PDB file of N, CA and C in Angstrom:
ATOM      1  N   MET A   1      24.218  19.015 -37.602  1.00  0.00           N
ATOM      2  CA  MET A   1      23.114  19.365 -36.807  1.00  0.00           C
ATOM      3  C   MET A   1      21.786  18.660 -37.527  1.00  0.00           C
ATOM      4  N   LYS A   2      21.813  18.552 -38.952  1.00  0.00           N
ATOM      5  CA  LYS A   2      20.506  17.992 -39.486  1.00  0.00           C
ATOM      6  C   LYS A   2      20.559  16.335 -39.061  1.00  0.00           C
ATOM      7  N   LYS A   3      21.651  15.840 -38.998  1.00  0.00           N
ATOM      8  CA  LYS A   3      21.599  14.276 -38.629  1.00  0.00           C
ATOM      9  C   LYS A   3      21.026  14.084 -37.290  1.00  0.00           C
ATOM     10  N   LYS A   4      21.252  15.109 -36.349  1.00  0.00           N
ATOM     11  CA  LYS A   4      20.741  15.043 -34.967  1.00  0.00           C
ATOM     12  C   LYS A   4      19.240  14.943 -35.133  1.00  0.00           C
ATOM     13  N   TRP A   5      18.654  15.816 -35.860  1.00  0.00           N
ATOM     14  CA  TRP A   5      17.221  15.898 -36.093  1.00  0.00           C
ATOM     15  C   TRP A   5      16.655  14.711 -36.805  1.00  0.00           C
ATOM     16  N   ILE A   6      17.283  14.012 -37.698  1.00  0.00           N
ATOM     17  CA  ILE A   6      16.880  12.939 -38.320  1.00  0.00           C
ATOM     18  C   ILE A   6      16.683  11.793 -37.371  1.00  0.00           C
ATOM     19  N   TRP A   7      17.718  11.604 -36.471  1.00  0.00           N
ATOM     20  CA  TRP A   7      17.786  10.628 -35.512  1.00  0.00           C
ATOM     21  C   TRP A   7      16.552  10.747 -34.438  1.00  0.00           C
ATOM     22  N   ILE A   8      16.366  11.986 -34.098  1.00  0.00           N
ATOM     23  CA  ILE A   8      15.272  12.289 -33.188  1.00  0.00           C
ATOM     24  C   ILE A   8      14.033  12.172 -33.787  1.00  0.00           C
ATOM     25  N   ALA A   9      13.747  12.614 -35.161  1.00  0.00           N
ATOM     26  CA  ALA A   9      12.626  12.209 -35.843  1.00  0.00           C
ATOM     27  C   ALA A   9      12.370  10.841 -36.076  1.00  0.00           C
ATOM     28  N   PHE A  10      13.350   9.985 -36.111  1.00  0.00           N
ATOM     29  CA  PHE A  10      13.285   8.616 -36.181  1.00  0.00           C
ATOM     30  C   PHE A  10      12.850   7.867 -34.912  1.00  0.00           C
ATOM     31  N   LEU A  11      13.685   8.139 -33.872  1.00  0.00           N
ATOM     32  CA  LEU A  11      13.629   7.509 -32.492  1.00  0.00           C
ATOM     33  C   LEU A  11      12.361   7.949 -31.748  1.00  0.00           C
ATOM     34  N   ALA A  12      11.826   9.240 -32.068  1.00  0.00           N
ATOM     35  CA  ALA A  12      10.776   9.700 -31.216  1.00  0.00           C
ATOM     36  C   ALA A  12       9.453   8.786 -31.360  1.00  0.00           C
ATOM     37  N   PRO A  13       9.030   8.541 -32.507  1.00  0.00           N
ATOM     38  CA  PRO A  13       7.957   7.606 -32.506  1.00  0.00           C
ATOM     39  C   PRO A  13       8.110   6.248 -32.003  1.00  0.00           C
ATOM     40  N   LEU A  14       9.189   5.771 -32.123  1.00  0.00           N
ATOM     41  CA  LEU A  14       9.648   4.346 -31.559  1.00  0.00           C
ATOM     42  C   LEU A  14       9.573   4.508 -29.915  1.00  0.00           C
ATOM     43  N   GLY A  15      10.038   5.527 -29.642  1.00  0.00           N
ATOM     44  CA  GLY A  15      10.047   5.878 -28.096  1.00  0.00           C
ATOM     45  C   GLY A  15       8.596   5.875 -27.544  1.00  0.00           C
ATOM     46  N   ILE A  16       7.774   6.743 -28.387  1.00  0.00           N
ATOM     47  CA  ILE A  16       6.376   6.743 -27.969  1.00  0.00           C
ATOM     48  C   ILE A  16       5.555   5.481 -27.874  1.00  0.00           C
ATOM     49  N   ALA A  17       5.847   4.709 -29.066  1.00  0.00           N
ATOM     50  CA  ALA A  17       5.140   3.373 -29.267  1.00  0.00           C
ATOM     51  C   ALA A  17       5.617   2.486 -28.093  1.00  0.00           C
ATOM     52  N   LEU A  18       6.960   2.477 -27.834  1.00  0.00           N
ATOM     53  CA  LEU A  18       7.589   1.622 -26.648  1.00  0.00           C
ATOM     54  C   LEU A  18       6.767   2.080 -25.292  1.00  0.00           C
ATOM     55  N   PHE A  19       6.803   3.161 -25.139  1.00  0.00           N
ATOM     56  CA  PHE A  19       6.029   3.728 -23.853  1.00  0.00           C
ATOM     57  C   PHE A  19       4.607   3.237 -23.829  1.00  0.00           C
ATOM     58  N   ILE A  20       3.963   3.556 -24.858  1.00  0.00           N
ATOM     59  CA  ILE A  20       2.543   2.849 -24.863  1.00  0.00           C
ATOM     60  C   ILE A  20       2.363   1.451 -24.716  1.00  0.00           C
ATOM     61  N   VAL A  21       3.284   0.665 -25.210  1.00  0.00           N
ATOM     62  CA  VAL A  21       3.272  -0.754 -25.100  1.00  0.00           C
ATOM     63  C   VAL A  21       3.629  -1.124 -23.710  1.00  0.00           C
ATOM     64  N   ILE A  22       4.671  -0.576 -23.289  1.00  0.00           N
ATOM     65  CA  ILE A  22       5.071  -1.053 -21.806  1.00  0.00           C
ATOM     66  C   ILE A  22       4.177  -0.499 -20.830  1.00  0.00           C
ATOM     67  N   GLY A  23       3.776   0.747 -21.014  1.00  0.00           N
ATOM     68  CA  GLY A  23       2.842   1.359 -20.018  1.00  0.00           C
ATOM     69  C   GLY A  23       1.428   0.484 -19.970  1.00  0.00           C
ATOM     70  N   GLY A  24       0.967   0.340 -21.082  1.00  0.00           N
ATOM     71  CA  GLY A  24      -0.279  -0.419 -21.250  1.00  0.00           C
ATOM     72  C   GLY A  24      -0.291  -1.821 -20.624  1.00  0.00           C
ATOM     73  N   GLU A  25       0.857  -2.410 -20.969  1.00  0.00           N
ATOM     74  CA  GLU A  25       1.108  -3.774 -20.354  1.00  0.00           C
ATOM     75  C   GLU A  25       1.194  -3.809 -18.731  1.00  0.00           C
ATOM     76  N   LEU A  26       1.937  -2.910 -18.352  1.00  0.00           N
ATOM     77  CA  LEU A  26       2.037  -2.621 -16.908  1.00  0.00           C
ATOM     78  C   LEU A  26       0.854  -2.406 -16.168  1.00  0.00           C
ATOM     79  N   VAL A  27       0.046  -1.384 -16.662  1.00  0.00           N
ATOM     80  CA  VAL A  27      -1.232  -0.930 -16.212  1.00  0.00           C
ATOM     81  C   VAL A  27      -2.216  -2.209 -16.150  1.00  0.00           C
ATOM     82  N   MET A  28      -2.315  -2.950 -17.309  1.00  0.00           N
ATOM     83  CA  MET A  28      -3.261  -4.004 -17.488  1.00  0.00           C
ATOM     84  C   MET A  28      -2.844  -5.102 -16.397  1.00  0.00           C
ATOM     85  N   HIS A  29      -1.584  -5.393 -16.229  1.00  0.00           N
ATOM     86  CA  HIS A  29      -1.111  -6.532 -15.421  1.00  0.00           C
ATOM     87  C   HIS A  29      -1.307  -6.093 -13.884  1.00  0.00           C
ATOM     88  N   LEU A  30      -1.086  -4.930 -13.609  1.00  0.00           N
ATOM     89  CA  LEU A  30      -1.252  -4.479 -12.287  1.00  0.00           C
ATOM     90  C   LEU A  30      -2.735  -4.473 -11.916  1.00  0.00           C
ATOM     91  N   TRP A  31      -3.516  -3.955 -12.821  1.00  0.00           N
ATOM     92  CA  TRP A  31      -4.886  -3.840 -12.572  1.00  0.00           C
ATOM     93  C   TRP A  31      -5.682  -5.184 -12.401  1.00  0.00           C
ATOM     94  N   ASN A  32      -5.149  -6.034 -13.314  1.00  0.00           N
ATOM     95  CA  ASN A  32      -5.845  -7.486 -13.227  1.00  0.00           C
ATOM     96  C   ASN A  32      -5.241  -8.247 -12.031  1.00  0.00           C
ATOM     97  N   TRP A  33      -3.958  -7.965 -11.617  1.00  0.00           N
ATOM     98  CA  TRP A  33      -3.501  -8.739 -10.579  1.00  0.00           C
ATOM     99  C   TRP A  33      -4.155  -8.335  -9.242  1.00  0.00           C
ATOM    100  N   LEU A  34      -4.379  -6.863  -9.067  1.00  0.00           N
ATOM    101  CA  LEU A  34      -4.865  -6.440  -7.834  1.00  0.00           C
ATOM    102  C   LEU A  34      -6.325  -6.121  -7.678  1.00  0.00           C
ATOM    103  N   LEU A  35      -6.968  -5.508  -8.595  1.00  0.00           N
ATOM    104  CA  LEU A  35      -8.307  -5.093  -8.340  1.00  0.00           C
ATOM    105  C   LEU A  35      -9.294  -6.157  -8.434  1.00  0.00           C
ATOM    106  N   PRO A  36      -9.284  -7.207  -9.290  1.00  0.00           N
ATOM    107  CA  PRO A  36     -10.402  -8.173  -9.238  1.00  0.00           C
ATOM    108  C   PRO A  36     -10.321  -8.974  -7.864  1.00  0.00           C
ATOM    109  N   PRO A  37      -9.164  -9.392  -7.443  1.00  0.00           N
ATOM    110  CA  PRO A  37      -9.184 -10.068  -6.047  1.00  0.00           C
ATOM    111  C   PRO A  37      -9.585  -9.186  -4.961  1.00  0.00           C
ATOM    112  N   LEU A  38      -9.065  -7.956  -4.972  1.00  0.00           N
ATOM    113  CA  LEU A  38      -9.407  -7.123  -3.901  1.00  0.00           C
ATOM    114  C   LEU A  38     -10.955  -6.585  -3.916  1.00  0.00           C
ATOM    115  N   PHE A  39     -11.320  -6.121  -4.929  1.00  0.00           N
ATOM    116  CA  PHE A  39     -12.706  -5.603  -5.075  1.00  0.00           C
ATOM    117  C   PHE A  39     -13.646  -6.246  -5.831  1.00  0.00           C
ATOM    118  N   GLY A  40     -13.273  -7.202  -6.464  1.00  0.00           N
ATOM    119  CA  GLY A  40     -14.285  -7.867  -7.182  1.00  0.00           C
ATOM    120  C   GLY A  40     -14.646  -7.187  -8.724  1.00  0.00           C
ATOM    121  N   TRP A  41     -13.727  -6.432  -9.169  1.00  0.00           N
ATOM    122  CA  TRP A  41     -13.929  -5.632 -10.410  1.00  0.00           C
ATOM    123  C   TRP A  41     -13.404  -6.584 -11.606  1.00  0.00           C
ATOM    124  N   ARG A  42     -13.795  -6.221 -12.730  1.00  0.00           N
ATOM    125  CA  ARG A  42     -13.579  -7.223 -13.914  1.00  0.00           C
ATOM    126  C   ARG A  42     -12.245  -6.850 -14.392  1.00  0.00           C
ATOM    127  N   GLN A  43     -11.602  -7.822 -15.033  1.00  0.00           N
ATOM    128  CA  GLN A  43     -10.350  -7.639 -15.584  1.00  0.00           C
ATOM    129  C   GLN A  43     -10.444  -6.733 -16.941  1.00  0.00           C
ATOM    130  N   ILE A  44      -9.499  -6.098 -17.175  1.00  0.00           N
ATOM    131  CA  ILE A  44      -9.317  -5.193 -18.382  1.00  0.00           C
ATOM    132  C   ILE A  44      -8.387  -5.675 -19.459  1.00  0.00           C
ATOM    133  N   SER A  45      -8.661  -5.192 -20.781  1.00  0.00           N
ATOM    134  CA  SER A  45      -7.813  -5.507 -21.866  1.00  0.00           C
ATOM    135  C   SER A  45      -6.660  -4.492 -21.935  1.00  0.00           C
ATOM    136  N   PHE A  46      -5.737  -4.687 -22.974  1.00  0.00           N
ATOM    137  CA  PHE A  46      -4.552  -3.973 -23.202  1.00  0.00           C
ATOM    138  C   PHE A  46      -5.073  -2.649 -23.700  1.00  0.00           C
ATOM    139  N   TRP A  47      -6.052  -2.409 -24.616  1.00  0.00           N
ATOM    140  CA  TRP A  47      -6.602  -1.072 -24.884  1.00  0.00           C
ATOM    141  C   TRP A  47      -7.441  -0.362 -23.920  1.00  0.00           C
ATOM    142  N   GLN A  48      -8.000  -1.055 -22.977  1.00  0.00           N
ATOM    143  CA  GLN A  48      -8.515  -0.353 -21.867  1.00  0.00           C
ATOM    144  C   GLN A  48      -7.480   0.151 -21.027  1.00  0.00           C
ATOM    145  N   ALA A  49      -6.426  -0.604 -20.735  1.00  0.00           N
ATOM    146  CA  ALA A  49      -5.420  -0.159 -19.966  1.00  0.00           C
ATOM    147  C   ALA A  49      -4.544   1.042 -20.558  1.00  0.00           C
ATOM    148  N   VAL A  50      -4.457   1.041 -21.879  1.00  0.00           N
ATOM    149  CA  VAL A  50      -3.831   2.215 -22.403  1.00  0.00           C
ATOM    150  C   VAL A  50      -4.667   3.442 -22.252  1.00  0.00           C
ATOM    151  N   GLY A  51      -6.177   3.245 -22.637  1.00  0.00           N
ATOM    152  CA  GLY A  51      -7.153   4.322 -22.260  1.00  0.00           C
ATOM    153  C   GLY A  51      -7.028   4.716 -20.860  1.00  0.00           C
ATOM    154  N   LEU A  52      -6.915   3.941 -19.903  1.00  0.00           N
ATOM    155  CA  LEU A  52      -6.702   4.445 -18.460  1.00  0.00           C
ATOM    156  C   LEU A  52      -5.415   5.184 -18.173  1.00  0.00           C
ATOM    157  N   LEU A  53      -4.350   4.634 -18.927  1.00  0.00           N
ATOM    158  CA  LEU A  53      -3.087   5.283 -18.693  1.00  0.00           C
ATOM    159  C   LEU A  53      -3.212   6.686 -19.407  1.00  0.00           C
ATOM    160  N   ALA A  54      -3.761   6.931 -20.546  1.00  0.00           N
ATOM    161  CA  ALA A  54      -4.093   8.276 -21.085  1.00  0.00           C
ATOM    162  C   ALA A  54      -4.866   9.014 -20.262  1.00  0.00           C
ATOM    163  N   LEU A  55      -5.857   8.554 -19.673  1.00  0.00           N
ATOM    164  CA  LEU A  55      -6.980   9.265 -18.827  1.00  0.00           C
ATOM    165  C   LEU A  55      -6.142   9.808 -17.536  1.00  0.00           C
ATOM    166  N   CYS A  56      -5.275   8.933 -16.892  1.00  0.00           N
ATOM    167  CA  CYS A  56      -4.507   9.272 -15.667  1.00  0.00           C
ATOM    168  C   CYS A  56      -3.614  10.403 -16.003  1.00  0.00           C
ATOM    169  N   ARG A  57      -3.043  10.333 -17.214  1.00  0.00           N
ATOM    170  CA  ARG A  57      -2.063  11.354 -17.745  1.00  0.00           C
ATOM    171  C   ARG A  57      -2.737  12.694 -17.856  1.00  0.00           C
ATOM    172  N   ILE A  58      -3.819  12.620 -18.374  1.00  0.00           N
ATOM    173  CA  ILE A  58      -4.753  13.917 -18.666  1.00  0.00           C
ATOM    174  C   ILE A  58      -5.037  14.521 -17.286  1.00  0.00           C
ATOM    175  N   LEU A  59      -5.565  13.625 -16.405  1.00  0.00           N
ATOM    176  CA  LEU A  59      -6.233  14.129 -15.246  1.00  0.00           C
ATOM    177  C   LEU A  59      -5.194  14.544 -14.127  1.00  0.00           C
ATOM    178  N   PHE A  60      -4.103  13.887 -14.053  1.00  0.00           N
ATOM    179  CA  PHE A  60      -3.003  13.972 -13.102  1.00  0.00           C
ATOM    180  C   PHE A  60      -1.723  14.580 -13.570  1.00  0.00           C
ATOM    181  N   GLY A  61      -1.427  14.359 -14.866  1.00  0.00           N
ATOM    182  CA  GLY A  61      -0.186  14.890 -15.435  1.00  0.00           C
ATOM    183  C   GLY A  61      -0.221  16.310 -16.010  1.00  0.00           C
ATOM    184  N   GLY A  62      -1.482  16.742 -16.320  1.00  0.00           N
ATOM    185  CA  GLY A  62      -1.604  17.967 -17.027  1.00  0.00           C
ATOM    186  C   GLY A  62      -1.054  18.076 -18.370  1.00  0.00           C
ATOM    187  N   LEU A  63      -0.671  17.032 -19.173  1.00  0.00           N
ATOM    188  CA  LEU A  63      -0.281  16.930 -20.339  1.00  0.00           C
ATOM    189  C   LEU A  63       1.017  17.829 -20.533  1.00  0.00           C
ATOM    190  N   GLY A  64       1.725  18.210 -19.557  1.00  0.00           N
ATOM    191  CA  GLY A  64       3.066  18.834 -19.605  1.00  0.00           C
ATOM    192  C   GLY A  64       2.844  20.268 -19.802  1.00  0.00           C
ATOM    193  N   MET A  65       1.637  20.897 -19.500  1.00  0.00           N
ATOM    194  CA  MET A  65       1.401  22.281 -19.968  1.00  0.00           C
ATOM    195  C   MET A  65       1.949  23.238 -18.858  1.00  0.00           C
ATOM    196  N   ARG A  66       2.269  22.797 -17.721  1.00  0.00           N
ATOM    197  CA  ARG A  66       2.576  23.684 -16.590  1.00  0.00           C
ATOM    198  C   ARG A  66       3.588  22.881 -15.597  1.00  0.00           C
ATOM    199  N   GLY A  67       4.110  23.656 -14.525  1.00  0.00           N
ATOM    200  CA  GLY A  67       4.987  23.031 -13.782  1.00  0.00           C
ATOM    201  C   GLY A  67       6.312  22.697 -14.022  1.00  0.00           C
ATOM    202  N   SER A  68       6.740  21.410 -14.247  1.00  0.00           N
ATOM    203  CA  SER A  68       7.996  21.013 -14.592  1.00  0.00           C
ATOM    204  C   SER A  68       8.638  21.605 -15.777  1.00  0.00           C
ATOM    205  N   HIS A  69       7.909  22.065 -16.658  1.00  0.00           N
ATOM    206  CA  HIS A  69       8.506  22.659 -17.916  1.00  0.00           C
ATOM    207  C   HIS A  69       8.586  24.214 -17.869  1.00  0.00           C
ATOM    208  N   ARG A  70       8.855  24.617 -16.557  1.00  0.00           N
ATOM    209  CA  ARG A  70       8.956  26.013 -16.530  1.00  0.00           C
ATOM    210  C   ARG A  70      10.147  26.209 -15.490  1.00  0.00           C
ATOM    211  N   PRO A  71      11.346  25.906 -15.874  1.00  0.00           N
ATOM    212  CA  PRO A  71      12.623  25.888 -15.046  1.00  0.00           C
ATOM    213  C   PRO A  71      12.809  27.270 -14.616  1.00  0.00           C
ATOM    214  N   ASN A  72      12.325  28.311 -15.153  1.00  0.00           N
ATOM    215  CA  ASN A  72      12.855  29.779 -14.928  1.00  0.00           C
ATOM    216  C   ASN A  72      11.713  30.391 -13.874  1.00  0.00           C
ATOM    217  N   GLY A  73      10.812  29.626 -13.414  1.00  0.00           N
ATOM    218  CA  GLY A  73       9.779  30.161 -12.641  1.00  0.00           C
ATOM    219  C   GLY A  73      10.314  30.613 -11.207  1.00  0.00           C
ATOM    220  N   ARG A  74      11.232  29.931 -10.601  1.00  0.00           N
ATOM    221  CA  ARG A  74      11.611  30.310  -9.285  1.00  0.00           C
ATOM    222  C   ARG A  74      12.688  31.553  -9.515  1.00  0.00           C
ATOM    223  N   ARG A  75      13.468  31.464 -10.643  1.00  0.00           N
ATOM    224  CA  ARG A  75      14.383  32.442 -10.686  1.00  0.00           C
ATOM    225  C   ARG A  75      13.714  33.883 -10.998  1.00  0.00           C
ATOM    226  N   ARG A  76      12.573  33.749 -11.797  1.00  0.00           N
ATOM    227  CA  ARG A  76      11.882  34.979 -12.123  1.00  0.00           C
ATOM    228  C   ARG A  76      11.164  35.378 -10.795  1.00  0.00           C
ATOM    229  N   MET A  77      10.662  34.392  -9.979  1.00  0.00           N
ATOM    230  CA  MET A  77      10.109  35.142  -8.695  1.00  0.00           C
ATOM    231  C   MET A  77      11.109  35.696  -7.756  1.00  0.00           C
ATOM    232  N   ALA A  78      12.246  35.219  -7.874  1.00  0.00           N
ATOM    233  CA  ALA A  78      13.406  35.626  -6.939  1.00  0.00           C
ATOM    234  C   ALA A  78      13.722  37.178  -7.439  1.00  0.00           C
ATOM    235  N   GLU A  79      13.830  37.273  -8.831  1.00  0.00           N
ATOM    236  CA  GLU A  79      14.284  38.734  -9.292  1.00  0.00           C
ATOM    237  C   GLU A  79      13.137  39.541  -9.071  1.00  0.00           C
ATOM    238  N   ARG A  80      11.835  39.143  -9.232  1.00  0.00           N
ATOM    239  CA  ARG A  80      10.746  40.070  -8.818  1.00  0.00           C
ATOM    240  C   ARG A  80      10.755  40.504  -7.331  1.00  0.00           C
ATOM    241  N   TRP A  81      11.087  39.455  -6.449  1.00  0.00           N
ATOM    242  CA  TRP A  81      11.113  39.751  -5.031  1.00  0.00           C
ATOM    243  C   TRP A  81      12.350  40.628  -4.659  1.00  0.00           C
ATOM    244  N   GLU A  82      13.319  40.544  -5.234  1.00  0.00           N
ATOM    245  CA  GLU A  82      14.614  41.578  -5.236  1.00  0.00           C
ATOM    246  C   GLU A  82      14.251  42.908  -5.606  1.00  0.00           C
ATOM    247  N   GLN A  83      13.303  43.170  -6.508  1.00  0.00           N
ATOM    248  CA  GLN A  83      13.003  44.377  -6.890  1.00  0.00           C
ATOM    249  C   GLN A  83      11.990  45.065  -6.213  1.00  0.00           C
ATOM    250  N   MET A  84      11.295  44.352  -5.360  1.00  0.00           N
ATOM    251  CA  MET A  84      10.114  44.895  -4.566  1.00  0.00           C
ATOM    252  C   MET A  84      10.661  45.757  -3.350  1.00  0.00           C
ATOM    253  N   THR A  85       9.940  46.877  -3.010  1.00  0.00           N
ATOM    254  CA  THR A  85      10.179  47.514  -1.616  1.00  0.00           C
ATOM    255  C   THR A  85       9.921  46.587  -0.584  1.00  0.00           C
ATOM    256  N   PRO A  86      10.190  47.051   0.709  1.00  0.00           N
ATOM    257  CA  PRO A  86       9.898  46.352   1.933  1.00  0.00           C
ATOM    258  C   PRO A  86       8.460  46.304   2.140  1.00  0.00           C
ATOM    259  N   GLU A  87       7.602  47.467   1.743  1.00  0.00           N
ATOM    260  CA  GLU A  87       6.320  47.409   1.964  1.00  0.00           C
ATOM    261  C   GLU A  87       5.548  46.569   0.917  1.00  0.00           C
ATOM    262  N   GLU A  88       6.174  46.331  -0.329  1.00  0.00           N
ATOM    263  CA  GLU A  88       5.558  45.427  -1.310  1.00  0.00           C
ATOM    264  C   GLU A  88       5.754  44.121  -1.005  1.00  0.00           C
ATOM    265  N   ARG A  89       6.973  43.686  -0.284  1.00  0.00           N
ATOM    266  CA  ARG A  89       7.195  42.380   0.214  1.00  0.00           C
ATOM    267  C   ARG A  89       6.208  42.002   1.202  1.00  0.00           C
ATOM    268  N   GLU A  90       6.031  42.997   2.194  1.00  0.00           N
ATOM    269  CA  GLU A  90       4.986  42.526   3.276  1.00  0.00           C
ATOM    270  C   GLU A  90       3.608  42.235   2.821  1.00  0.00           C
ATOM    271  N   LYS A  91       3.163  43.222   1.754  1.00  0.00           N
ATOM    272  CA  LYS A  91       1.958  43.018   1.167  1.00  0.00           C
ATOM    273  C   LYS A  91       1.907  41.736   0.408  1.00  0.00           C
ATOM    274  N   ALA A  92       2.980  41.293  -0.198  1.00  0.00           N
ATOM    275  CA  ALA A  92       2.990  40.000  -0.954  1.00  0.00           C
ATOM    276  C   ALA A  92       2.883  38.789   0.104  1.00  0.00           C
ATOM    277  N   ARG A  93       3.516  38.947   1.280  1.00  0.00           N
ATOM    278  CA  ARG A  93       3.535  38.020   2.218  1.00  0.00           C
ATOM    279  C   ARG A  93       1.964  37.786   2.811  1.00  0.00           C
ATOM    280  N   GLN A  94       1.455  38.957   2.943  1.00  0.00           N
ATOM    281  CA  GLN A  94      -0.023  38.972   3.541  1.00  0.00           C
ATOM    282  C   GLN A  94      -0.868  38.094   2.554  1.00  0.00           C
ATOM    283  N   GLY A  95      -0.711  38.413   1.170  1.00  0.00           N
ATOM    284  CA  GLY A  95      -1.237  37.810   0.317  1.00  0.00           C
ATOM    285  C   GLY A  95      -1.067  36.289   0.233  1.00  0.00           C
ATOM    286  N   PHE A  96       0.158  35.862   0.181  1.00  0.00           N
ATOM    287  CA  PHE A  96       0.494  34.464   0.515  1.00  0.00           C
ATOM    288  C   PHE A  96      -0.179  33.762   1.568  1.00  0.00           C
ATOM    289  N   ARG A  97      -0.156  34.454   2.838  1.00  0.00           N
ATOM    290  CA  ARG A  97      -0.736  33.960   3.925  1.00  0.00           C
ATOM    291  C   ARG A  97      -2.283  33.827   3.794  1.00  0.00           C
ATOM    292  N   GLY A  98      -2.845  34.713   3.165  1.00  0.00           N
ATOM    293  CA  GLY A  98      -4.395  34.825   2.994  1.00  0.00           C
ATOM    294  C   GLY A  98      -4.787  33.636   2.070  1.00  0.00           C
ATOM    295  N   ARG A  99      -3.962  33.193   1.109  1.00  0.00           N
ATOM    296  CA  ARG A  99      -4.228  32.163   0.137  1.00  0.00           C
ATOM    297  C   ARG A  99      -3.691  30.641   0.788  1.00  0.00           C
ATOM    298  N   CYS A 100      -2.590  30.661   1.515  1.00  0.00           N
ATOM    299  CA  CYS A 100      -2.067  29.403   1.902  1.00  0.00           C
ATOM    300  C   CYS A 100      -2.404  29.241   3.422  1.00  0.00           C
ATOM    301  N   GLY A 101      -3.048  29.964   4.013  1.00  0.00           N
ATOM    302  CA  GLY A 101      -3.328  29.671   5.484  1.00  0.00           C
ATOM    303  C   GLY A 101      -2.313  30.356   6.353  1.00  0.00           C
ATOM    304  N   PRO A 102      -2.635  30.527   7.703  1.00  0.00           N
ATOM    305  CA  PRO A 102      -1.880  31.284   8.533  1.00  0.00           C
ATOM    306  C   PRO A 102      -0.578  30.429   8.857  1.00  0.00           C
ATOM    307  N   SER A 103       0.595  31.101   9.088  1.00  0.00           N
ATOM    308  CA  SER A 103       1.656  30.399   9.398  1.00  0.00           C
ATOM    309  C   SER A 103       2.452  31.219  10.556  1.00  0.00           C
ATOM    310  N   GLU A 104       3.192  30.507  11.324  1.00  0.00           N
ATOM    311  CA  GLU A 104       3.819  31.009  12.466  1.00  0.00           C
ATOM    312  C   GLU A 104       5.280  31.963  11.846  1.00  0.00           C
ATOM    313  N   PRO A 105       5.347  32.939  12.661  1.00  0.00           N
ATOM    314  CA  PRO A 105       6.773  33.459  12.235  1.00  0.00           C
ATOM    315  C   PRO A 105       7.838  32.706  12.337  1.00  0.00           C
ATOM    316  N   ARG A 106       8.898  32.853  11.716  1.00  0.00           N
ATOM    317  CA  ARG A 106      10.157  31.957  11.786  1.00  0.00           C
ATOM    318  C   ARG A 106      10.693  31.952  13.170  1.00  0.00           C
ATOM    319  N   ASP A 107      10.798  33.165  13.732  1.00  0.00           N
ATOM    320  CA  ASP A 107      11.492  33.253  15.129  1.00  0.00           C
ATOM    321  C   ASP A 107      10.738  32.813  16.134  1.00  0.00           C
ATOM    322  N   ALA A 108       9.387  32.394  16.076  1.00  0.00           N
ATOM    323  CA  ALA A 108       8.510  31.888  16.998  1.00  0.00           C
ATOM    324  C   ALA A 108       8.873  30.572  17.678  1.00  0.00           C
ATOM    325  N   LYS A 109       8.754  30.501  18.899  1.00  0.00           N
ATOM    326  CA  LYS A 109       9.093  29.116  19.555  1.00  0.00           C
ATOM    327  C   LYS A 109       7.745  28.347  19.667  1.00  0.00           C
ATOM    328  N   PRO A 110       7.735  27.160  19.248  1.00  0.00           N
ATOM    329  CA  PRO A 110       6.537  26.284  19.531  1.00  0.00           C
ATOM    330  C   PRO A 110       6.084  26.051  21.083  1.00  0.00           C
ATOM    331  N   THR A 111       4.925  26.174  21.252  1.00  0.00           N
ATOM    332  CA  THR A 111       4.350  25.956  22.483  1.00  0.00           C
ATOM    333  C   THR A 111       4.065  24.439  22.833  1.00  0.00           C
ATOM    334  N   THR A 112       4.507  23.999  23.980  1.00  0.00           N
ATOM    335  CA  THR A 112       4.274  22.507  24.291  1.00  0.00           C
ATOM    336  C   THR A 112       3.430  22.417  25.516  1.00  0.00           C
TER     337      THR A 112
END
């Protein structure tokens, strides 16, 4: 078991460095290939591309703090749903509709 952690501790920094190098190069080349000819923007350096990659990860990736790192979320919601009474389920449905907008009942036929 300890050998596994030694390998992970050794390979993790290499993987992170490889991601930064490949990601930075990819962003830099794509930016410099597309944006100056299309919009007249200046070319960027490798470090600017790494900064842009980090900024996009923060803004759009959320730093891995939610979402994909919670595999038990659906199962927990299903367990809660099963424990609800029919009245509580209907109240929850109304709350979902209020937040997510109106929806047609499942058995309703579309009008054309």
